[in-house]
PDB file of N, CA and C in Angstrom:
ATOM      1  N   THR A   1     139.357 123.769  59.962  1.00  0.00           N
ATOM      2  CA  THR A   1     137.915 123.742  59.721  1.00  0.00           C
ATOM      3  C   THR A   1     137.200 123.153  60.938  1.00  0.00           C
ATOM      4  N   PRO A   2     136.015 123.615  61.248  1.00  0.00           N
ATOM      5  CA  PRO A   2     135.264 123.028  62.367  1.00  0.00           C
ATOM      6  C   PRO A   2     134.903 121.579  62.085  1.00  0.00           C
ATOM      7  N   SER A   3     134.827 120.782  63.130  1.00  0.00           N
ATOM      8  CA  SER A   3     134.561 119.364  62.941  1.00  0.00           C
ATOM      9  C   SER A   3     133.187 119.120  62.329  1.00  0.00           C
ATOM     10  N   SER A   4     132.233 120.019  62.552  1.00  0.00           N
ATOM     11  CA  SER A   4     130.901 119.824  61.991  1.00  0.00           C
ATOM     12  C   SER A   4     130.908 119.963  60.470  1.00  0.00           C
ATOM     13  N   ALA A   5     131.954 120.602  59.923  1.00  0.00           N
ATOM     14  CA  ALA A   5     132.036 120.772  58.476  1.00  0.00           C
ATOM     15  C   ALA A   5     132.605 119.533  57.796  1.00  0.00           C
ATOM     16  N   LEU A   6     133.198 118.627  58.581  1.00  0.00           N
ATOM     17  CA  LEU A   6     133.765 117.421  58.001  1.00  0.00           C
ATOM     18  C   LEU A   6     132.657 116.448  57.629  1.00  0.00           C
ATOM     19  N   PRO A   7     132.789 115.793  56.488  1.00  0.00           N
ATOM     20  CA  PRO A   7     131.756 114.807  56.130  1.00  0.00           C
ATOM     21  C   PRO A   7     131.825 113.607  57.078  1.00  0.00           C
ATOM     22  N   LEU A   8     130.659 113.099  57.431  1.00  0.00           N
ATOM     23  CA  LEU A   8     130.586 111.961  58.354  1.00  0.00           C
ATOM     24  C   LEU A   8     130.429 110.664  57.580  1.00  0.00           C
ATOM     25  N   GLY A   9     131.092 109.634  58.078  1.00  0.00           N
ATOM     26  CA  GLY A   9     130.916 108.323  57.487  1.00  0.00           C
ATOM     27  C   GLY A   9     129.607 107.714  57.961  1.00  0.00           C
ATOM     28  N   PRO A  10     129.213 106.617  57.373  1.00  0.00           N
ATOM     29  CA  PRO A  10     127.938 105.982  57.753  1.00  0.00           C
ATOM     30  C   PRO A  10     127.894 105.582  59.232  1.00  0.00           C
ATOM     31  N   GLU A  11     129.033 105.118  59.777  1.00  0.00           N
ATOM     32  CA  GLU A  11     129.065 104.702  61.177  1.00  0.00           C
ATOM     33  C   GLU A  11     128.839 105.895  62.103  1.00  0.00           C
ATOM     34  N   ALA A  12     129.516 107.007  61.814  1.00  0.00           N
ATOM     35  CA  ALA A  12     129.372 108.199  62.642  1.00  0.00           C
ATOM     36  C   ALA A  12     127.961 108.759  62.537  1.00  0.00           C
ATOM     37  N   SER A  13     127.414 108.752  61.351  1.00  0.00           N
ATOM     38  CA  SER A  13     126.058 109.248  61.142  1.00  0.00           C
ATOM     39  C   SER A  13     125.053 108.390  61.915  1.00  0.00           C
ATOM     40  N   PHE A  14     125.218 107.078  61.857  1.00  0.00           N
ATOM     41  CA  PHE A  14     124.338 106.161  62.585  1.00  0.00           C
ATOM     42  C   PHE A  14     124.474 106.367  64.093  1.00  0.00           C
ATOM     43  N   SER A  15     125.699 106.575  64.556  1.00  0.00           N
ATOM     44  CA  SER A  15     125.941 106.810  65.973  1.00  0.00           C
ATOM     45  C   SER A  15     125.233 108.081  66.443  1.00  0.00           C
ATOM     46  N   LEU A  16     125.295 109.136  65.633  1.00  0.00           N
ATOM     47  CA  LEU A  16     124.610 110.384  65.982  1.00  0.00           C
ATOM     48  C   LEU A  16     123.097 110.187  66.024  1.00  0.00           C
ATOM     49  N   LEU A  17     122.580 109.424  65.088  1.00  0.00           N
ATOM     50  CA  LEU A  17     121.137 109.138  65.088  1.00  0.00           C
ATOM     51  C   LEU A  17     120.737 108.360  66.341  1.00  0.00           C
ATOM     52  N   GLN A  18     121.567 107.403  66.720  1.00  0.00           N
ATOM     53  CA  GLN A  18     121.291 106.633  67.937  1.00  0.00           C
ATOM     54  C   GLN A  18     121.305 107.541  69.161  1.00  0.00           C
ATOM     55  N   GLU A  19     122.267 108.454  69.233  1.00  0.00           N
ATOM     56  CA  GLU A  19     122.367 109.379  70.360  1.00  0.00           C
ATOM     57  C   GLU A  19     121.151 110.299  70.412  1.00  0.00           C
ATOM     58  N   GLU A  20     120.724 110.796  69.264  1.00  0.00           N
ATOM     59  CA  GLU A  20     119.536 111.655  69.225  1.00  0.00           C
ATOM     60  C   GLU A  20     118.303 110.892  69.703  1.00  0.00           C
ATOM     61  N   GLN A  21     118.166 109.651  69.266  1.00  0.00           N
ATOM     62  CA  GLN A  21     117.038 108.822  69.693  1.00  0.00           C
ATOM     63  C   GLN A  21     117.102 108.584  71.199  1.00  0.00           C
ATOM     64  N   HIS A  22     118.279 108.323  71.708  1.00  0.00           N
ATOM     65  CA  HIS A  22     118.479 108.103  73.135  1.00  0.00           C
ATOM     66  C   HIS A  22     118.073 109.355  73.932  1.00  0.00           C
ATOM     67  N   GLN A  23     118.480 110.515  73.462  1.00  0.00           N
ATOM     68  CA  GLN A  23     118.135 111.765  74.140  1.00  0.00           C
ATOM     69  C   GLN A  23     116.630 112.003  74.113  1.00  0.00           C
ATOM     70  N   ARG A  24     115.969 111.687  73.001  1.00  0.00           N
ATOM     71  CA  ARG A  24     114.504 111.829  72.926  1.00  0.00           C
ATOM     72  C   ARG A  24     113.822 110.896  73.915  1.00  0.00           C
ATOM     73  N   GLU A  25     114.319 109.664  74.015  1.00  0.00           N
ATOM     74  CA  GLU A  25     113.740 108.699  74.956  1.00  0.00           C
ATOM     75  C   GLU A  25     113.930 109.149  76.400  1.00  0.00           C
ATOM     76  N   LEU A  26     115.112 109.684  76.719  1.00  0.00           N
ATOM     77  CA  LEU A  26     115.362 110.192  78.069  1.00  0.00           C
ATOM     78  C   LEU A  26     114.437 111.359  78.398  1.00  0.00           C
ATOM     79  N   ALA A  27     114.241 112.248  77.439  1.00  0.00           N
ATOM     80  CA  ALA A  27     113.347 113.393  77.654  1.00  0.00           C
ATOM     81  C   ALA A  27     111.916 112.914  77.887  1.00  0.00           C
ATOM     82  N   LEU A  28     111.486 111.917  77.124  1.00  0.00           N
ATOM     83  CA  LEU A  28     110.138 111.374  77.289  1.00  0.00           C
ATOM     84  C   LEU A  28     109.991 110.711  78.659  1.00  0.00           C
ATOM     85  N   LEU A  29     110.979 109.934  79.065  1.00  0.00           N
ATOM     86  CA  LEU A  29     110.933 109.298  80.384  1.00  0.00           C
ATOM     87  C   LEU A  29     110.890 110.329  81.498  1.00  0.00           C
ATOM     88  N   SER A  30     111.680 111.379  81.361  1.00  0.00           N
ATOM     89  CA  SER A  30     111.689 112.440  82.362  1.00  0.00           C
ATOM     90  C   SER A  30     110.313 113.089  82.466  1.00  0.00           C
ATOM     91  N   LYS A  31     109.697 113.357  81.327  1.00  0.00           N
ATOM     92  CA  LYS A  31     108.361 113.960  81.318  1.00  0.00           C
ATOM     93  C   LYS A  31     107.347 113.026  81.973  1.00  0.00           C
ATOM     94  N   ARG A  32     107.420 111.738  81.656  1.00  0.00           N
ATOM     95  CA  ARG A  32     106.480 110.775  82.239  1.00  0.00           C
ATOM     96  C   ARG A  32     106.664 110.661  83.749  1.00  0.00           C
ATOM     97  N   LEU A  33     107.922 110.711  84.220  1.00  0.00           N
ATOM     98  CA  LEU A  33     108.174 110.675  85.662  1.00  0.00           C
ATOM     99  C   LEU A  33     107.597 111.898  86.360  1.00  0.00           C
ATOM    100  N   GLU A  34     107.756 113.060  85.753  1.00  0.00           N
ATOM    101  CA  GLU A  34     107.199 114.279  86.323  1.00  0.00           C
ATOM    102  C   GLU A  34     105.675 114.193  86.401  1.00  0.00           C
ATOM    103  N   GLU A  35     105.051 113.676  85.338  1.00  0.00           N
ATOM    104  CA  GLU A  35     103.588 113.534  85.334  1.00  0.00           C
ATOM    105  C   GLU A  35     103.137 112.552  86.411  1.00  0.00           C
ATOM    106  N   LEU A  36     103.869 111.469  86.573  1.00  0.00           N
ATOM    107  CA  LEU A  36     103.539 110.484  87.596  1.00  0.00           C
ATOM    108  C   LEU A  36     103.651 111.095  88.986  1.00  0.00           C
ATOM    109  N   GLU A  37     104.729 111.841  89.218  1.00  0.00           N
ATOM    110  CA  GLU A  37     104.915 112.485  90.513  1.00  0.00           C
ATOM    111  C   GLU A  37     103.769 113.461  90.802  1.00  0.00           C
ATOM    112  N   THR A  38     103.367 114.220  89.795  1.00  0.00           N
ATOM    113  CA  THR A  38     102.260 115.168  89.963  1.00  0.00           C
ATOM    114  C   THR A  38     100.970 114.433  90.305  1.00  0.00           C
ATOM    115  N   ARG A  39     100.693 113.346  89.597  1.00  0.00           N
ATOM    116  CA  ARG A  39      99.468 112.565  89.888  1.00  0.00           C
ATOM    117  C   ARG A  39      99.514 111.972  91.290  1.00  0.00           C
ATOM    118  N   GLN A  40     100.671 111.476  91.708  1.00  0.00           N
ATOM    119  CA  GLN A  40     100.782 110.893  93.046  1.00  0.00           C
ATOM    120  C   GLN A  40     100.595 111.949  94.128  1.00  0.00           C
ATOM    121  N   ARG A  41     101.172 113.120  93.933  1.00  0.00           N
ATOM    122  CA  ARG A  41     100.969 114.202  94.907  1.00  0.00           C
ATOM    123  C   ARG A  41      99.493 114.574  95.002  1.00  0.00           C
ATOM    124  N   LYS A  42      98.826 114.647  93.849  1.00  0.00           N
ATOM    125  CA  LYS A  42      97.398 114.978  93.834  1.00  0.00           C
ATOM    126  C   LYS A  42      96.612 113.902  94.583  1.00  0.00           C
ATOM    127  N   GLN A  43      96.943 112.644  94.359  1.00  0.00           N
ATOM    128  CA  GLN A  43      96.257 111.557  95.057  1.00  0.00           C
ATOM    129  C   GLN A  43      96.473 111.658  96.561  1.00  0.00           C
ATOM    130  N   LEU A  44      97.690 111.978  96.980  1.00  0.00           N
ATOM    131  CA  LEU A  44      97.962 112.137  98.415  1.00  0.00           C
ATOM    132  C   LEU A  44      97.163 113.288  98.999  1.00  0.00           C
ATOM    133  N   GLU A  45      97.072 114.391  98.256  1.00  0.00           N
ATOM    134  CA  GLU A  45      96.271 115.520  98.724  1.00  0.00           C
ATOM    135  C   GLU A  45      94.804 115.122  98.838  1.00  0.00           C
ATOM    136  N   ASP A  46      94.324 114.347  97.869  1.00  0.00           N
ATOM    137  CA  ASP A  46      92.931 113.913  97.889  1.00  0.00           C
ATOM    138  C   ASP A  46      92.637 112.992  99.065  1.00  0.00           C
ATOM    139  N   LEU A  47      93.651 112.273  99.538  1.00  0.00           N
ATOM    140  CA  LEU A  47      93.452 111.387 100.684  1.00  0.00           C
ATOM    141  C   LEU A  47      93.180 112.163 101.964  1.00  0.00           C
ATOM    142  N   GLY A  48      93.712 113.377 102.034  1.00  0.00           N
ATOM    143  CA  GLY A  48      93.478 114.213 103.206  1.00  0.00           C
ATOM    144  C   GLY A  48      94.156 113.676 104.448  1.00  0.00           C
ATOM    145  N   PRO A  49      93.467 113.764 105.615  1.00  0.00           N
ATOM    146  CA  PRO A  49      94.075 113.381 106.898  1.00  0.00           C
ATOM    147  C   PRO A  49      94.545 111.934 106.945  1.00  0.00           C
ATOM    148  N   SER A  50      93.915 111.046 106.191  1.00  0.00           N
ATOM    149  CA  SER A  50      94.331 109.644 106.236  1.00  0.00           C
ATOM    150  C   SER A  50      95.688 109.440 105.573  1.00  0.00           C
ATOM    151  N   ARG A  51      96.202 110.485 104.946  1.00  0.00           N
ATOM    152  CA  ARG A  51      97.502 110.387 104.284  1.00  0.00           C
ATOM    153  C   ARG A  51      98.590 109.961 105.270  1.00  0.00           C
ATOM    154  N   GLU A  52      98.546 110.491 106.499  1.00  0.00           N
ATOM    155  CA  GLU A  52      99.564 110.123 107.482  1.00  0.00           C
ATOM    156  C   GLU A  52      99.521 108.624 107.765  1.00  0.00           C
ATOM    157  N   TRP A  53      98.329 108.063 107.826  1.00  0.00           N
ATOM    158  CA  TRP A  53      98.204 106.626 108.065  1.00  0.00           C
ATOM    159  C   TRP A  53      98.819 105.852 106.909  1.00  0.00           C
ATOM    160  N   VAL A  54      98.514 106.286 105.689  1.00  0.00           N
ATOM    161  CA  VAL A  54      99.044 105.599 104.507  1.00  0.00           C
ATOM    162  C   VAL A  54     100.565 105.698 104.486  1.00  0.00           C
ATOM    163  N   MET A  55     101.097 106.885 104.755  1.00  0.00           N
ATOM    164  CA  MET A  55     102.547 107.055 104.746  1.00  0.00           C
ATOM    165  C   MET A  55     103.182 106.200 105.848  1.00  0.00           C
ATOM    166  N   GLY A  56     102.564 106.159 107.022  1.00  0.00           N
ATOM    167  CA  GLY A  56     103.082 105.339 108.108  1.00  0.00           C
ATOM    168  C   GLY A  56     103.052 103.865 107.752  1.00  0.00           C
ATOM    169  N   TYR A  57     101.977 103.429 107.105  1.00  0.00           N
ATOM    170  CA  TYR A  57     101.855 102.032 106.693  1.00  0.00           C
ATOM    171  C   TYR A  57     102.936 101.691 105.672  1.00  0.00           C
ATOM    172  N   ARG A  58     103.175 102.613 104.733  1.00  0.00           N
ATOM    173  CA  ARG A  58     104.194 102.374 103.713  1.00  0.00           C
ATOM    174  C   ARG A  58     105.568 102.260 104.360  1.00  0.00           C
ATOM    175  N   ASP A  59     105.870 103.167 105.292  1.00  0.00           N
ATOM    176  CA  ASP A  59     107.168 103.117 105.961  1.00  0.00           C
ATOM    177  C   ASP A  59     107.316 101.834 106.766  1.00  0.00           C
ATOM    178  N   SER A  60     106.220 101.411 107.408  1.00  0.00           N
ATOM    179  CA  SER A  60     106.250 100.172 108.175  1.00  0.00           C
ATOM    180  C   SER A  60     106.503  98.981 107.259  1.00  0.00           C
ATOM    181  N   ALA A  61     105.825  98.970 106.117  1.00  0.00           N
ATOM    182  CA  ALA A  61     106.018  97.877 105.164  1.00  0.00           C
ATOM    183  C   ALA A  61     107.442  97.869 104.641  1.00  0.00           C
ATOM    184  N   ARG A  62     107.996  99.046 104.388  1.00  0.00           N
ATOM    185  CA  ARG A  62     109.370  99.132 103.884  1.00  0.00           C
ATOM    186  C   ARG A  62     110.346  98.585 104.908  1.00  0.00           C
ATOM    187  N   SER A  63     110.154  98.924 106.176  1.00  0.00           N
ATOM    188  CA  SER A  63     111.093  98.459 107.187  1.00  0.00           C
ATOM    189  C   SER A  63     110.984  96.950 107.375  1.00  0.00           C
ATOM    190  N   LYS A  64     109.784  96.393 107.181  1.00  0.00           N
ATOM    191  CA  LYS A  64     109.643  94.930 107.262  1.00  0.00           C
ATOM    192  C   LYS A  64     110.392  94.257 106.124  1.00  0.00           C
ATOM    193  N   ILE A  65     110.324  94.871 104.954  1.00  0.00           N
ATOM    194  CA  ILE A  65     111.014  94.295 103.797  1.00  0.00           C
ATOM    195  C   ILE A  65     112.523  94.351 103.992  1.00  0.00           C
ATOM    196  N   THR A  66     113.016  95.469 104.507  1.00  0.00           N
ATOM    197  CA  THR A  66     114.466  95.631 104.666  1.00  0.00           C
ATOM    198  C   THR A  66     114.992  94.964 105.927  1.00  0.00           C
ATOM    199  N   GLY A  67     114.074  94.530 106.819  1.00  0.00           N
ATOM    200  CA  GLY A  67     114.492  93.867 108.033  1.00  0.00           C
ATOM    201  C   GLY A  67     114.904  94.799 109.144  1.00  0.00           C
ATOM    202  N   GLU A  68     114.586  96.091 109.010  1.00  0.00           N
ATOM    203  CA  GLU A  68     114.993  97.050 110.033  1.00  0.00           C
ATOM    204  C   GLU A  68     114.325  96.743 111.369  1.00  0.00           C
ATOM    205  N   ASP A  69     113.053  96.323 111.354  1.00  0.00           N
ATOM    206  CA  ASP A  69     112.349  96.001 112.594  1.00  0.00           C
ATOM    207  C   ASP A  69     113.035  94.834 113.302  1.00  0.00           C
ATOM    208  N   ASP A  70     113.438  93.835 112.527  1.00  0.00           N
ATOM    209  CA  ASP A  70     114.099  92.670 113.128  1.00  0.00           C
ATOM    210  C   ASP A  70     115.416  93.080 113.795  1.00  0.00           C
ATOM    211  N   ALA A  71     116.159  93.949 113.136  1.00  0.00           N
ATOM    212  CA  ALA A  71     117.433  94.382 113.700  1.00  0.00           C
ATOM    213  C   ALA A  71     117.200  95.155 114.994  1.00  0.00           C
ATOM    214  N   GLN A  72     116.175  95.992 115.018  1.00  0.00           N
ATOM    215  CA  GLN A  72     115.883  96.761 116.212  1.00  0.00           C
ATOM    216  C   GLN A  72     115.433  95.839 117.340  1.00  0.00           C
ATOM    217  N   SER A  73     114.611  94.826 117.036  1.00  0.00           N
ATOM    218  CA  SER A  73     114.141  93.934 118.087  1.00  0.00           C
ATOM    219  C   SER A  73     115.290  93.102 118.644  1.00  0.00           C
ATOM    220  N   GLU A  74     116.293  92.801 117.823  1.00  0.00           N
ATOM    221  CA  GLU A  74     117.462  92.074 118.314  1.00  0.00           C
ATOM    222  C   GLU A  74     118.242  92.918 119.313  1.00  0.00           C
ATOM    223  N   ASP A  75     118.272  94.237 119.112  1.00  0.00           N
ATOM    224  CA  ASP A  75     118.971  95.124 120.023  1.00  0.00           C
ATOM    225  C   ASP A  75     118.343  95.129 121.409  1.00  0.00           C
ATOM    226  N   PHE A  76     117.038  94.907 121.482  1.00  0.00           N
ATOM    227  CA  PHE A  76     116.337  94.981 122.763  1.00  0.00           C
ATOM    228  C   PHE A  76     116.332  93.664 123.515  1.00  0.00           C
ATOM    229  N   LYS A  77     116.846  92.608 122.921  1.00  0.00           N
ATOM    230  CA  LYS A  77     116.845  91.292 123.591  1.00  0.00           C
ATOM    231  C   LYS A  77     117.953  91.212 124.612  1.00  0.00           C
TER     232      LYS A  77
END
């Protein structure tokens, strides 16, 4: 007989419910991430030419946080 035809105990039934809830939450998170990405792209488009400045500033800030600039300056000493 197929396993789906077997009666499930309370533990198995609860586990399946938890898995279904988990899958719904993952789907919702995925949808929210896609919406966020779309809004961010639209905002970048709305910025126009200054977008390059913003992206450059972000990259500069990231390298300061990670210490990449410090490592590069040590190489030149």
